[in-house]
Amino acid sequence: MSEIPGDLKFLKSHEWARVEDDGLVRVGISDHAQSQLGDLVYVELPEIGASVQAGHGAAVLESVKAASDIYSPVSGEVVEVNEMLSDKPETVNEDAYGEGWIFVVRMSDRAELNELLDADAYAELIENEDH
């Protein structure tokens, strides 16, 4: 099983959310998800300034196996996207919890964080998926 950083929150659909010191939420997909997708070949990033809603599609990752919607863990405004992924989508495969982040959201409802899974609950989820 891959290591799961304890400071992250997760959606059941395998997106992670990290609350930054400035209150913004950085979003990516879990190491488990990137390994399930396989080699990524394209990333469709959201527009900066776009509104996203928790649990709704915000980006698309395309791998050699399939295209997958990436859901936003929180509602708010997209304030930054990882432009590096346009040229190097494989960065998500190489560093899912670091350089492979996808977008940053200015949250509109901090209470939505309480709806997300903590690292232990997410570990249990993927453990149960694997069996």
C-alpha atoms as a PDB file:
ATOM      1  CA  MET A   1       0.000   0.000   0.000  1.00  0.00           C
ATOM      2  CA  SER A   2       1.203   3.509  -0.747  1.00  0.00           C
ATOM      3  CA  GLU A   3       1.939   6.019   1.984  1.00  0.00           C
ATOM      4  CA  ILE A   4      -0.871   8.456   2.752  1.00  0.00           C
ATOM      5  CA  PRO A   5       0.113  11.863   4.186  1.00  0.00           C
ATOM      6  CA  GLY A   6      -1.717  12.503   7.455  1.00  0.00           C
ATOM      7  CA  ASP A   7      -2.357  16.190   6.754  1.00  0.00           C
ATOM      8  CA  LEU A   8      -4.630  15.498   3.777  1.00  0.00           C
ATOM      9  CA  LYS A   9      -8.382  15.013   3.478  1.00  0.00           C
ATOM     10  CA  PHE A  10      -9.874  12.794   0.775  1.00  0.00           C
ATOM     11  CA  LEU A  11     -12.950  12.274  -1.325  1.00  0.00           C
ATOM     12  CA  LYS A  12     -14.091   8.690  -1.803  1.00  0.00           C
ATOM     13  CA  SER A  13     -13.334   9.263  -5.497  1.00  0.00           C
ATOM     14  CA  HIS A  14      -9.602   9.569  -4.570  1.00  0.00           C
ATOM     15  CA  GLU A  15      -8.996  13.319  -4.793  1.00  0.00           C
ATOM     16  CA  TRP A  16      -7.001  14.828  -1.932  1.00  0.00           C
ATOM     17  CA  ALA A  17      -7.292  18.269  -0.358  1.00  0.00           C
ATOM     18  CA  ARG A  18      -4.573  20.041   1.598  1.00  0.00           C
ATOM     19  CA  VAL A  19      -5.481  23.215   3.485  1.00  0.00           C
ATOM     20  CA  GLU A  20      -2.560  25.610   3.056  1.00  0.00           C
ATOM     21  CA  ASP A  21      -1.420  28.152   5.653  1.00  0.00           C
ATOM     22  CA  ASP A  22      -3.246  30.902   3.744  1.00  0.00           C
ATOM     23  CA  GLY A  23      -6.545  28.955   3.894  1.00  0.00           C
ATOM     24  CA  LEU A  24      -6.480  27.963   0.221  1.00  0.00           C
ATOM     25  CA  VAL A  25      -7.071  24.308  -0.621  1.00  0.00           C
ATOM     26  CA  ARG A  26      -4.621  22.493  -2.901  1.00  0.00           C
ATOM     27  CA  VAL A  27      -6.155  19.545  -4.771  1.00  0.00           C
ATOM     28  CA  GLY A  28      -4.685  16.462  -6.406  1.00  0.00           C
ATOM     29  CA  ILE A  29      -5.337  12.760  -6.764  1.00  0.00           C
ATOM     30  CA  SER A  30      -4.034  10.071  -4.440  1.00  0.00           C
ATOM     31  CA  ASP A  31      -1.058   7.874  -5.156  1.00  0.00           C
ATOM     32  CA  HIS A  32      -3.493   4.959  -5.211  1.00  0.00           C
ATOM     33  CA  ALA A  33      -5.590   6.687  -7.903  1.00  0.00           C
ATOM     34  CA  GLN A  34      -2.629   7.528 -10.126  1.00  0.00           C
ATOM     35  CA  SER A  35      -1.412   3.938  -9.939  1.00  0.00           C
ATOM     36  CA  GLN A  36      -4.889   2.685 -10.886  1.00  0.00           C
ATOM     37  CA  LEU A  37      -5.039   5.081 -13.865  1.00  0.00           C
ATOM     38  CA  GLY A  38      -1.610   4.190 -15.198  1.00  0.00           C
ATOM     39  CA  ASP A  39       0.581   6.527 -17.215  1.00  0.00           C
ATOM     40  CA  LEU A  40      -1.074   9.925 -17.606  1.00  0.00           C
ATOM     41  CA  VAL A  41      -0.899  11.472 -21.060  1.00  0.00           C
ATOM     42  CA  TYR A  42      -3.110  14.574 -20.762  1.00  0.00           C
ATOM     43  CA  VAL A  43      -4.527  16.850 -18.089  1.00  0.00           C
ATOM     44  CA  GLU A  44      -7.450  19.205 -18.720  1.00  0.00           C
ATOM     45  CA  LEU A  45      -7.104  21.891 -16.062  1.00  0.00           C
ATOM     46  CA  PRO A  46      -9.952  24.123 -14.853  1.00  0.00           C
ATOM     47  CA  GLU A  47      -9.932  27.816 -15.733  1.00  0.00           C
ATOM     48  CA  ILE A  48      -8.557  30.222 -13.159  1.00  0.00           C
ATOM     49  CA  GLY A  49     -11.557  32.122 -11.775  1.00  0.00           C
ATOM     50  CA  ALA A  50     -13.956  29.238 -12.432  1.00  0.00           C
ATOM     51  CA  SER A  51     -16.409  28.270  -9.722  1.00  0.00           C
ATOM     52  CA  VAL A  52     -16.261  24.671  -8.567  1.00  0.00           C
ATOM     53  CA  GLN A  53     -18.658  22.743  -6.362  1.00  0.00           C
ATOM     54  CA  ALA A  54     -17.759  20.037  -3.907  1.00  0.00           C
ATOM     55  CA  GLY A  55     -18.189  16.621  -5.489  1.00  0.00           C
ATOM     56  CA  HIS A  56     -18.529  17.972  -9.031  1.00  0.00           C
ATOM     57  CA  GLY A  57     -16.079  17.578 -11.908  1.00  0.00           C
ATOM     58  CA  ALA A  58     -13.411  20.276 -12.154  1.00  0.00           C
ATOM     59  CA  ALA A  59     -10.649  18.725 -14.273  1.00  0.00           C
ATOM     60  CA  VAL A  60      -9.992  15.664 -16.431  1.00  0.00           C
ATOM     61  CA  LEU A  61      -7.045  13.285 -16.355  1.00  0.00           C
ATOM     62  CA  GLU A  62      -6.448  11.097 -19.374  1.00  0.00           C
ATOM     63  CA  SER A  63      -4.262   8.030 -19.096  1.00  0.00           C
ATOM     64  CA  VAL A  64      -3.296   5.254 -21.430  1.00  0.00           C
ATOM     65  CA  LYS A  65      -6.237   3.334 -19.908  1.00  0.00           C
ATOM     66  CA  ALA A  66      -9.070   5.884 -19.612  1.00  0.00           C
ATOM     67  CA  ALA A  67     -10.150   9.480 -19.034  1.00  0.00           C
ATOM     68  CA  SER A  68     -11.301  10.332 -15.521  1.00  0.00           C
ATOM     69  CA  ASP A  69     -13.134  13.327 -14.125  1.00  0.00           C
ATOM     70  CA  ILE A  70     -11.438  14.937 -11.159  1.00  0.00           C
ATOM     71  CA  TYR A  71     -13.924  16.154  -8.570  1.00  0.00           C
ATOM     72  CA  SER A  72     -13.346  19.162  -6.385  1.00  0.00           C
ATOM     73  CA  PRO A  73     -13.319  18.275  -2.671  1.00  0.00           C
ATOM     74  CA  VAL A  74     -14.610  21.745  -1.748  1.00  0.00           C
ATOM     75  CA  SER A  75     -16.699  24.508  -3.305  1.00  0.00           C
ATOM     76  CA  GLY A  76     -15.189  27.845  -4.234  1.00  0.00           C
ATOM     77  CA  GLU A  77     -13.136  29.658  -6.851  1.00  0.00           C
ATOM     78  CA  VAL A  78     -10.153  28.191  -8.693  1.00  0.00           C
ATOM     79  CA  VAL A  79      -7.272  30.579  -7.988  1.00  0.00           C
ATOM     80  CA  GLU A  80      -4.323  28.607  -9.377  1.00  0.00           C
ATOM     81  CA  VAL A  81      -3.726  25.646 -11.679  1.00  0.00           C
ATOM     82  CA  ASN A  82      -0.610  23.516 -12.114  1.00  0.00           C
ATOM     83  CA  GLU A  83       0.422  24.651 -15.610  1.00  0.00           C
ATOM     84  CA  MET A  84       3.408  22.306 -15.503  1.00  0.00           C
ATOM     85  CA  LEU A  85       0.991  19.390 -15.996  1.00  0.00           C
ATOM     86  CA  SER A  86       0.152  20.619 -19.513  1.00  0.00           C
ATOM     87  CA  ASP A  87       3.693  19.746 -20.595  1.00  0.00           C
ATOM     88  CA  LYS A  88       4.398  16.983 -18.082  1.00  0.00           C
ATOM     89  CA  PRO A  89       1.188  15.154 -17.093  1.00  0.00           C
ATOM     90  CA  GLU A  90       3.348  12.272 -15.849  1.00  0.00           C
ATOM     91  CA  THR A  91       4.276  14.489 -12.878  1.00  0.00           C
ATOM     92  CA  VAL A  92       1.055  13.235 -11.248  1.00  0.00           C
ATOM     93  CA  ASN A  93       2.387   9.663 -11.559  1.00  0.00           C
ATOM     94  CA  GLU A  94       5.780  10.653 -10.188  1.00  0.00           C
ATOM     95  CA  ASP A  95       4.721  12.822  -7.224  1.00  0.00           C
ATOM     96  CA  ALA A  96       0.960  12.623  -6.619  1.00  0.00           C
ATOM     97  CA  TYR A  97       1.097  14.380  -3.232  1.00  0.00           C
ATOM     98  CA  GLY A  98       3.698  17.010  -4.159  1.00  0.00           C
ATOM     99  CA  GLU A  99       4.538  18.469  -7.573  1.00  0.00           C
ATOM    100  CA  GLY A 100       1.595  16.591  -9.112  1.00  0.00           C
ATOM    101  CA  TRP A 101      -1.077  18.806  -7.523  1.00  0.00           C
ATOM    102  CA  ILE A 102      -3.773  19.895  -9.990  1.00  0.00           C
ATOM    103  CA  PHE A 103      -5.519  23.090  -8.833  1.00  0.00           C
ATOM    104  CA  VAL A 104      -6.037  25.403  -5.852  1.00  0.00           C
ATOM    105  CA  VAL A 105      -9.447  26.539  -4.582  1.00  0.00           C
ATOM    106  CA  ARG A 106     -10.426  29.489  -2.395  1.00  0.00           C
ATOM    107  CA  MET A 107     -13.082  27.730  -0.313  1.00  0.00           C
ATOM    108  CA  SER A 108     -16.522  29.253   0.030  1.00  0.00           C
ATOM    109  CA  ASP A 109     -17.649  26.905   2.824  1.00  0.00           C
ATOM    110  CA  ARG A 110     -15.019  25.669   5.256  1.00  0.00           C
ATOM    111  CA  ALA A 111     -17.528  23.235   6.799  1.00  0.00           C
ATOM    112  CA  GLU A 112     -17.240  21.072   3.669  1.00  0.00           C
ATOM    113  CA  LEU A 113     -13.841  19.911   4.944  1.00  0.00           C
ATOM    114  CA  ASN A 114     -15.688  18.013   7.668  1.00  0.00           C
ATOM    115  CA  GLU A 115     -17.355  15.879   4.988  1.00  0.00           C
ATOM    116  CA  LEU A 116     -14.017  14.565   3.692  1.00  0.00           C
ATOM    117  CA  LEU A 117     -12.201  11.418   4.825  1.00  0.00           C
ATOM    118  CA  ASP A 118      -9.101  11.700   6.997  1.00  0.00           C
ATOM    119  CA  ALA A 119      -5.995   9.688   6.096  1.00  0.00           C
ATOM    120  CA  ASP A 120      -6.975   6.692   8.244  1.00  0.00           C
ATOM    121  CA  ALA A 121     -10.491   6.503   6.811  1.00  0.00           C
ATOM    122  CA  TYR A 122      -9.104   6.821   3.292  1.00  0.00           C
ATOM    123  CA  ALA A 123      -6.561   4.039   3.951  1.00  0.00           C
ATOM    124  CA  GLU A 124      -9.439   1.833   5.091  1.00  0.00           C
ATOM    125  CA  LEU A 125     -11.425   2.719   1.955  1.00  0.00           C
ATOM    126  CA  ILE A 126      -8.677   1.679  -0.449  1.00  0.00           C
ATOM    127  CA  GLU A 127      -7.898  -1.384   1.658  1.00  0.00           C
ATOM    128  CA  ASN A 128     -11.527  -2.487   1.243  1.00  0.00           C
ATOM    129  CA  GLU A 129     -11.462  -1.678  -2.496  1.00  0.00           C
ATOM    130  CA  ASP A 130      -8.463  -3.935  -2.957  1.00  0.00           C
ATOM    131  CA  HIS A 131     -10.252  -6.939  -1.450  1.00  0.00           C
END
